[in-house]
């Protein structure tokens, strides 16, 4: 372990109580996506802690989603920066905190967003503080904390890509897996909003004059789901459908939301072409379909994480725990940095599980060691 890494690790060793206190404070703020006030309140707690240690924080306001926060620690020699990432939004509606606030049960904490990813925000903040207290790194350190990852990063993606382009490495503190592993690869994801138009008619009097948009959509859903190919990692899922007026009217409109997941960037064009062919087919005469693209998450491919993962494994062993790498079908902002060619590693937050449910949990005893492993990994990038 380098002297810088040792100093940072030692600084973190006694911080568990402070880390738990911060975690409770930010979990006990409703901060669902588009809750600008709550998301920014979480950000101000983070900013205050960083600024108190002399770390500059810049705010990029957004009245819809909340501000993006950028924390900067200049490097002694300059050069390409290292990026620590996290998102402040959760999936829970306003009022969730009042119904089930942060609580502890031994070494386990519960509450909305406690793992995904308020625990990771705590790790990021304390790692930045530790490296600053330890004397800083030769290269610049940047903390980037967005406000809308859970809904596809509509405002966050542009800033992530601007800041990350040319970076030395990117570390995303999404929750550690239930197994204790970190994430070395993730699927990409794309949503499509599909609309089918038909022709209305009375279902009893002149049924033959109608063209059922619902019938056409049903045929398309069957074909779209058939595109799922587990060996290649491609999945297609229509998760929402709407349509029609009344039970006795041939439906003149129908809509669906399609989720597409893929392992690598080069799969996307092919799967989109097949989807477009399905939508172009006239399954029911007199109907037609169109679509609009939603938010796109790029995949985090294994090749973008391999070297960093080896460094992280060695750092984890130095601070006292073993860790493996894991693939997940979930999407995250680390896909954007990986797609830029920036070496990227994800799932570096404390170990947690049951994300996006009322059972969400986080292991408090992993806060300090995961922060230490990340700090040691970053310190080891010098030279």
Protein backbone atom coordinates (compact mmCIF):
# COMPACT_ATOMS: atom_id res chain seq x y z
CA UNK A 1 0.00 0.00 0.00
CA UNK A 2 1.39 3.40 -0.96
CA UNK A 3 1.86 6.05 1.75
CA UNK A 4 -1.05 8.07 0.29
CA UNK A 5 -3.27 4.99 0.27
CA UNK A 6 -2.32 4.16 3.86
CA UNK A 7 -3.11 7.68 5.07
CA UNK A 8 -6.48 7.68 3.33
CA UNK A 9 -7.33 4.21 4.64
CA UNK A 10 -6.36 5.21 8.18
CA UNK A 11 -8.49 8.37 7.96
CA UNK A 12 -11.51 6.29 6.95
CA UNK A 13 -10.98 3.59 9.57
CA UNK A 14 -12.66 5.57 12.37
CA UNK A 15 -15.48 7.13 10.32
CA UNK A 16 -18.24 4.52 10.54
CA UNK A 17 -20.42 6.51 12.93
CA UNK A 18 -20.14 9.64 10.78
CA UNK A 19 -20.93 7.65 7.67
CA UNK A 20 -24.01 6.11 9.28
CA UNK A 21 -25.20 9.51 10.44
CA UNK A 22 -24.87 10.93 6.93
CA UNK A 23 -26.66 7.93 5.47
CA UNK A 24 -29.59 8.40 7.83
CA UNK A 25 -29.82 12.11 7.01
CA UNK A 26 -30.03 11.61 3.25
CA UNK A 27 -32.26 8.51 3.36
CA UNK A 28 -34.73 10.49 5.48
CA UNK A 29 -35.32 12.95 2.62
CA UNK A 30 -37.87 12.08 -0.05
CA UNK A 31 -35.81 12.28 -3.23
CA UNK A 32 -37.69 10.46 -5.94
CA UNK A 33 -36.88 11.31 -9.54
CA UNK A 34 -38.31 14.74 -10.48
CA UNK A 35 -38.62 15.72 -6.79
CA UNK A 36 -36.28 18.62 -7.38
CA UNK A 37 -36.50 19.99 -3.85
CA UNK A 38 -35.70 16.65 -2.21
CA UNK A 39 -32.91 15.74 -4.63
CA UNK A 40 -31.31 19.15 -4.14
CA UNK A 41 -31.67 18.85 -0.36
CA UNK A 42 -29.64 15.64 -0.49
CA UNK A 43 -27.11 17.47 -2.64
CA UNK A 44 -26.75 20.32 -0.18
CA UNK A 45 -25.89 17.90 2.64
CA UNK A 46 -23.19 16.41 0.45
CA UNK A 47 -21.91 19.79 -0.69
CA UNK A 48 -21.73 21.14 2.86
CA UNK A 49 -19.57 18.22 3.99
CA UNK A 50 -17.23 18.54 1.01
CA UNK A 51 -16.96 22.32 1.24
CA UNK A 52 -16.22 22.12 4.97
CA UNK A 53 -13.07 20.19 4.02
CA UNK A 54 -12.05 22.77 1.43
CA UNK A 55 -13.34 20.85 -1.59
CA UNK A 56 -14.87 23.12 -4.23
CA UNK A 57 -18.40 22.23 -5.37
CA UNK A 58 -20.06 23.58 -8.51
CA UNK A 59 -23.81 23.34 -9.00
CA UNK A 60 -25.43 22.95 -12.43
CA UNK A 61 -29.09 23.86 -11.75
CA UNK A 62 -32.00 22.11 -13.41
CA UNK A 63 -35.53 23.10 -12.44
CA UNK A 64 -37.03 19.81 -13.60
CA UNK A 65 -34.67 17.18 -12.23
CA UNK A 66 -32.48 18.93 -9.68
CA UNK A 67 -28.91 20.16 -9.86
CA UNK A 68 -25.87 18.20 -10.91
CA UNK A 69 -23.06 18.64 -8.36
CA UNK A 70 -19.40 18.60 -9.40
CA UNK A 71 -16.75 18.42 -6.70
CA UNK A 72 -13.14 19.20 -7.63
CA UNK A 73 -9.85 18.39 -5.93
CA UNK A 74 -6.97 19.67 -8.09
CA UNK A 75 -4.09 17.29 -8.75
CA UNK A 76 -0.50 18.10 -7.87
CA UNK A 77 0.61 17.45 -11.45
CA UNK A 78 -2.62 17.84 -13.43
CA UNK A 79 -3.38 15.52 -16.31
CA UNK A 80 -6.39 13.30 -16.86
CA UNK A 81 -8.78 13.24 -13.89
CA UNK A 82 -10.31 10.34 -11.98
CA UNK A 83 -14.09 10.46 -11.68
CA UNK A 84 -16.24 9.30 -8.74
CA UNK A 85 -19.92 9.03 -9.68
CA UNK A 86 -23.31 8.72 -8.08
CA UNK A 87 -26.98 9.63 -8.51
CA UNK A 88 -29.08 11.31 -5.84
CA UNK A 89 -32.57 10.34 -7.05
CA UNK A 90 -34.49 7.29 -5.85
CA UNK A 91 -37.56 5.52 -7.23
CA UNK A 92 -39.83 6.26 -4.27
CA UNK A 93 -42.75 8.74 -4.30
CA UNK A 94 -43.09 11.66 -1.94
CA UNK A 95 -44.36 10.53 1.47
CA UNK A 96 -42.36 7.29 1.53
CA UNK A 97 -39.99 8.56 4.23
CA UNK A 98 -42.89 9.40 6.53
CA UNK A 99 -44.23 5.86 6.12
CA UNK A 100 -40.93 4.02 6.56
CA UNK A 101 -37.93 6.16 7.52
CA UNK A 102 -34.37 5.00 8.01
CA UNK A 103 -34.01 2.28 10.66
CA UNK A 104 -31.26 0.01 11.89
CA UNK A 105 -31.38 -3.64 12.86
CA UNK A 106 -27.90 -4.56 14.01
CA UNK A 107 -25.51 -4.08 11.10
CA UNK A 108 -28.32 -3.72 8.58
CA UNK A 109 -30.08 -0.47 7.66
CA UNK A 110 -33.42 -0.13 5.89
CA UNK A 111 -35.13 2.77 4.17
CA UNK A 112 -35.92 4.25 0.76
CA UNK A 113 -32.77 4.38 -1.34
CA UNK A 114 -30.54 3.15 1.49
CA UNK A 115 -28.62 0.94 -0.96
CA UNK A 116 -29.56 2.44 -4.35
CA UNK A 117 -27.77 4.60 -3.99
CA UNK A 118 -27.60 6.79 -0.91
CA UNK A 119 -25.10 4.38 0.62
CA UNK A 120 -22.88 4.87 -2.41
CA UNK A 121 -23.13 8.65 -2.11
CA UNK A 122 -21.81 8.35 1.43
CA UNK A 123 -18.88 6.28 0.19
CA UNK A 124 -18.10 8.82 -2.56
CA UNK A 125 -18.16 11.79 -0.20
CA UNK A 126 -15.95 10.12 2.39
CA UNK A 127 -13.46 8.85 -0.20
CA UNK A 128 -13.06 12.37 -1.59
CA UNK A 129 -12.62 13.73 1.92
CA UNK A 130 -10.13 10.98 2.81
CA UNK A 131 -7.95 11.56 -0.23
CA UNK A 132 -8.00 15.32 0.36
CA UNK A 133 -7.06 14.83 4.03
CA UNK A 134 -4.31 12.41 3.03
CA UNK A 135 -2.63 15.06 0.92
CA UNK A 136 -4.33 14.70 -2.43
CA UNK A 137 -3.40 12.85 -5.62
CA UNK A 138 -1.11 13.81 -8.48
CA UNK A 139 -4.11 13.84 -10.86
CA UNK A 140 -7.36 15.81 -10.40
CA UNK A 141 -10.24 14.12 -8.59
CA UNK A 142 -13.82 14.87 -9.62
CA UNK A 143 -17.00 13.86 -7.84
CA UNK A 144 -20.06 14.00 -10.12
CA UNK A 145 -23.48 13.58 -8.54
CA UNK A 146 -26.49 13.60 -10.85
CA UNK A 147 -30.22 13.87 -10.21
CA UNK A 148 -32.08 11.64 -12.66
CA UNK A 149 -30.41 8.26 -13.23
CA UNK A 150 -33.49 6.27 -12.22
CA UNK A 151 -35.41 7.70 -15.18
CA UNK A 152 -32.65 7.34 -17.75
CA UNK A 153 -30.39 10.33 -16.98
CA UNK A 154 -32.16 12.75 -19.34
CA UNK A 155 -30.22 15.72 -17.96
CA UNK A 156 -27.30 13.89 -16.36
CA UNK A 157 -25.95 12.06 -19.40
CA UNK A 158 -24.72 15.15 -21.24
CA UNK A 159 -22.78 16.41 -18.23
CA UNK A 160 -21.37 12.97 -17.44
CA UNK A 161 -20.04 12.65 -20.97
CA UNK A 162 -18.61 16.16 -20.98
CA UNK A 163 -16.80 15.65 -17.68
CA UNK A 164 -15.70 12.05 -18.26
CA UNK A 165 -14.31 12.39 -21.77
CA UNK A 166 -10.57 11.67 -21.57
CA UNK A 167 -10.67 10.70 -17.88
CA UNK A 168 -8.08 8.31 -16.45
CA UNK A 169 -10.78 6.19 -14.78
CA UNK A 170 -14.39 6.31 -13.57
CA UNK A 171 -15.76 4.67 -10.42
CA UNK A 172 -19.52 4.42 -9.91
CA UNK A 173 -20.69 3.73 -6.35
CA UNK A 174 -23.90 1.90 -7.19
CA UNK A 175 -24.66 -0.69 -4.50
CA UNK A 176 -22.39 -3.67 -4.08
CA UNK A 177 -24.13 -6.90 -5.03
CA UNK A 178 -25.85 -9.13 -2.47
CA UNK A 179 -22.94 -11.53 -2.97
CA UNK A 180 -20.50 -8.79 -1.93
CA UNK A 181 -19.15 -8.52 -5.47
CA UNK A 182 -18.63 -5.37 -7.50
CA UNK A 183 -20.04 -4.91 -11.00
CA UNK A 184 -17.67 -5.43 -13.92
CA UNK A 185 -20.27 -5.44 -16.71
CA UNK A 186 -23.82 -4.19 -17.21
CA UNK A 187 -26.38 -4.39 -19.96
CA UNK A 188 -27.41 -1.36 -21.94
CA UNK A 189 -31.05 -0.47 -22.25
CA UNK A 190 -33.39 1.41 -24.56
CA UNK A 191 -37.08 2.19 -24.16
CA UNK A 192 -39.44 2.64 -27.09
CA UNK A 193 -42.89 4.20 -26.85
CA UNK A 194 -45.02 2.44 -29.47
CA UNK A 195 -48.27 3.79 -30.90
CA UNK A 196 -50.67 1.83 -33.09
CA UNK A 197 -53.56 3.48 -34.92
CA UNK A 198 -56.60 1.71 -36.32
CA UNK A 199 -60.16 2.46 -37.27
CA UNK A 200 -63.06 2.61 -34.80
CA UNK A 201 -66.33 0.80 -35.38
CA UNK A 202 -69.27 -0.51 -33.35
CA UNK A 203 -68.28 -4.01 -32.30
CA UNK A 204 -71.78 -5.38 -32.88
CA UNK A 205 -73.34 -3.31 -35.65
CA UNK A 206 -70.43 -2.95 -38.09
CA UNK A 207 -67.48 -4.85 -36.67
CA UNK A 208 -66.09 -5.54 -40.14
CA UNK A 209 -65.65 -1.82 -40.77
CA UNK A 210 -63.16 -1.52 -37.89
CA UNK A 211 -59.43 -2.09 -37.76
CA UNK A 212 -58.37 -3.05 -34.26
CA UNK A 213 -55.27 -1.27 -33.02
CA UNK A 214 -55.33 -3.57 -29.98
CA UNK A 215 -55.37 -6.65 -32.20
CA UNK A 216 -52.41 -5.32 -34.16
CA UNK A 217 -50.52 -4.45 -30.99
CA UNK A 218 -51.16 -7.92 -29.56
CA UNK A 219 -49.58 -9.51 -32.64
CA UNK A 220 -46.63 -7.17 -32.43
CA UNK A 221 -46.07 -7.87 -28.74
CA UNK A 222 -45.84 -11.60 -29.47
CA UNK A 223 -43.30 -10.93 -32.21
CA UNK A 224 -41.33 -8.45 -30.09
CA UNK A 225 -41.07 -10.85 -27.18
CA UNK A 226 -39.82 -13.53 -29.56
CA UNK A 227 -36.72 -11.38 -30.15
CA UNK A 228 -35.46 -12.28 -26.68
CA UNK A 229 -32.27 -14.29 -27.01
CA UNK A 230 -30.84 -15.28 -23.65
CA UNK A 231 -27.53 -16.70 -24.95
CA UNK A 232 -26.70 -13.38 -26.64
CA UNK A 233 -27.96 -11.33 -23.69
CA UNK A 234 -30.78 -9.60 -25.59
CA UNK A 235 -34.14 -9.30 -23.87
CA UNK A 236 -37.30 -7.53 -24.98
CA UNK A 237 -40.17 -6.74 -22.65
CA UNK A 238 -43.43 -4.88 -23.19
CA UNK A 239 -44.19 -3.78 -19.67
CA UNK A 240 -47.04 -1.32 -20.21
CA UNK A 241 -50.03 -1.38 -22.61
CA UNK A 242 -52.94 0.99 -23.06
CA UNK A 243 -55.65 1.31 -25.67
CA UNK A 244 -59.23 1.41 -26.79
CA UNK A 245 -62.29 3.30 -25.62
CA UNK A 246 -65.01 0.85 -24.58
CA UNK A 247 -65.57 -2.90 -24.68
CA UNK A 248 -68.06 -2.50 -27.55
CA UNK A 249 -65.87 -0.35 -29.78
CA UNK A 250 -63.19 -1.66 -32.13
CA UNK A 251 -60.09 0.05 -30.81
CA UNK A 252 -58.70 2.83 -32.96
CA UNK A 253 -55.60 3.35 -30.84
CA UNK A 254 -53.22 1.39 -28.63
CA UNK A 255 -49.88 2.10 -26.99
CA UNK A 256 -47.08 0.10 -25.43
CA UNK A 257 -43.76 0.68 -23.71
CA UNK A 258 -40.99 -1.66 -24.84
CA UNK A 259 -37.79 -2.26 -22.87
CA UNK A 260 -34.79 -3.58 -24.81
CA UNK A 261 -31.64 -4.82 -23.05
CA UNK A 262 -28.37 -5.73 -24.74
CA UNK A 263 -24.82 -6.67 -23.74
CA UNK A 264 -22.74 -4.72 -26.26
CA UNK A 265 -23.04 -1.57 -28.32
CA UNK A 266 -22.71 -3.46 -31.61
CA UNK A 267 -25.94 -5.39 -30.88
CA UNK A 268 -28.12 -2.29 -30.79
CA UNK A 269 -28.48 -1.51 -34.51
CA UNK A 270 -29.38 -5.10 -35.31
CA UNK A 271 -32.07 -5.42 -32.68
CA UNK A 272 -33.54 -2.03 -33.61
CA UNK A 273 -33.78 -3.07 -37.27
CA UNK A 274 -35.73 -6.18 -36.26
CA UNK A 275 -38.03 -4.17 -34.02
CA UNK A 276 -38.68 -1.69 -36.83
CA UNK A 277 -39.57 -4.52 -39.21
CA UNK A 278 -42.12 -5.86 -36.72
CA UNK A 279 -43.67 -2.44 -36.27
CA UNK A 280 -43.82 -1.84 -40.04
CA UNK A 281 -45.82 -5.02 -40.65
CA UNK A 282 -49.58 -4.53 -41.15
CA UNK A 283 -50.76 -7.30 -38.82
CA UNK A 284 -54.35 -6.08 -39.05
CA UNK A 285 -55.38 -4.44 -42.34
CA UNK A 286 -56.04 -0.74 -41.84
CA UNK A 287 -53.65 -0.34 -38.90
CA UNK A 288 -50.20 1.25 -38.68
CA UNK A 289 -47.56 1.64 -36.00
CA UNK A 290 -44.90 4.17 -35.09
CA UNK A 291 -42.48 4.62 -32.21
CA UNK A 292 -40.47 7.22 -30.36
CA UNK A 293 -37.15 6.45 -28.74
CA UNK A 294 -36.90 7.00 -25.00
CA UNK A 295 -33.77 7.29 -22.93
CA UNK A 296 -30.79 5.13 -23.83
CA UNK A 297 -28.33 3.58 -21.39
CA UNK A 298 -25.09 2.34 -22.89
CA UNK A 299 -23.75 -1.02 -21.70
CA UNK A 300 -20.72 -1.32 -19.46
CA UNK A 301 -18.66 -3.94 -21.24
CA UNK A 302 -16.21 -6.16 -19.36
CA UNK A 303 -13.22 -4.83 -21.30
CA UNK A 304 -13.76 -1.37 -19.78
CA UNK A 305 -13.49 -2.69 -16.21
CA UNK A 306 -10.90 -5.48 -16.31
CA UNK A 307 -7.78 -3.56 -15.30
CA UNK A 308 -9.55 -1.46 -12.67
CA UNK A 309 -11.15 -4.56 -11.24
CA UNK A 310 -7.77 -6.22 -10.77
CA UNK A 311 -6.55 -3.12 -8.96
CA UNK A 312 -9.69 -3.02 -6.81
CA UNK A 313 -9.37 -6.70 -5.91
CA UNK A 314 -5.81 -6.11 -4.73
CA UNK A 315 -6.87 -3.02 -2.75
CA UNK A 316 -9.75 -4.89 -1.11
CA UNK A 317 -7.38 -7.64 -0.04
CA UNK A 318 -5.06 -5.05 1.51
CA UNK A 319 -7.89 -3.62 3.62
CA UNK A 320 -9.16 -7.06 4.63
CA UNK A 321 -11.80 -8.54 2.34
CA UNK A 322 -12.09 -10.69 -0.78
CA UNK A 323 -14.27 -9.58 -3.68
CA UNK A 324 -15.34 -10.91 -7.05
CA UNK A 325 -16.69 -9.30 -10.21
CA UNK A 326 -20.24 -9.74 -11.45
CA UNK A 327 -22.39 -9.08 -14.51
CA UNK A 328 -25.86 -7.55 -14.09
CA UNK A 329 -28.74 -6.88 -16.42
CA UNK A 330 -29.42 -3.54 -14.78
CA UNK A 331 -28.33 -0.28 -16.40
CA UNK A 332 -26.32 2.54 -14.83
CA UNK A 333 -24.44 5.73 -15.65
CA UNK A 334 -21.17 3.79 -15.77
CA UNK A 335 -22.25 2.63 -19.22
CA UNK A 336 -21.87 6.19 -20.50
CA UNK A 337 -18.28 6.45 -19.28
CA UNK A 338 -17.41 2.98 -20.55
CA UNK A 339 -18.83 3.81 -23.99
CA UNK A 340 -16.40 6.73 -24.14
CA UNK A 341 -13.52 4.30 -23.68
CA UNK A 342 -12.90 5.40 -20.09
CA UNK A 343 -11.87 2.48 -17.84
CA UNK A 344 -14.93 2.13 -15.59
CA UNK A 345 -15.93 0.04 -12.58
CA UNK A 346 -19.34 -0.08 -10.92
CA UNK A 347 -21.11 -1.43 -7.84
CA UNK A 348 -18.54 0.05 -5.46
CA UNK A 349 -20.97 1.20 -2.79
CA UNK A 350 -21.79 -0.72 0.39
CA UNK A 351 -23.36 -4.14 0.02
CA UNK A 352 -27.13 -3.96 -0.29
CA UNK A 353 -30.17 -5.54 -1.86
CA UNK A 354 -33.91 -5.51 -2.57
CA UNK A 355 -33.47 -2.17 -4.35
CA UNK A 356 -36.64 -0.45 -5.56
CA UNK A 357 -38.78 -2.29 -2.97
CA UNK A 358 -40.01 -1.64 0.55
CA UNK A 359 -37.48 -4.25 1.75
CA UNK A 360 -34.39 -2.38 0.51
CA UNK A 361 -31.41 -2.90 2.83
CA UNK A 362 -27.77 -1.97 3.24
CA UNK A 363 -25.01 -3.58 5.33
CA UNK A 364 -23.59 -0.85 7.52
CA UNK A 365 -20.49 -2.89 8.33
CA UNK A 366 -19.42 -2.60 4.67
CA UNK A 367 -19.42 1.21 4.55
CA UNK A 368 -15.87 1.68 5.82
CA UNK A 369 -14.12 -1.25 4.07
CA UNK A 370 -15.74 -0.44 0.70
CA UNK A 371 -14.68 3.20 1.06
CA UNK A 372 -11.16 2.11 2.02
CA UNK A 373 -10.88 -0.22 -0.96
CA UNK A 374 -11.96 2.53 -3.34
CA UNK A 375 -9.62 5.09 -1.83
CA UNK A 376 -6.68 2.66 -1.97
CA UNK A 377 -7.51 1.79 -5.59
CA UNK A 378 -7.55 5.45 -6.61
CA UNK A 379 -4.36 6.24 -4.72
CA UNK A 380 -2.69 3.36 -6.52
CA UNK A 381 -3.36 4.94 -9.94
CA UNK A 382 -0.56 7.42 -9.36
CA UNK A 383 2.63 6.98 -11.30
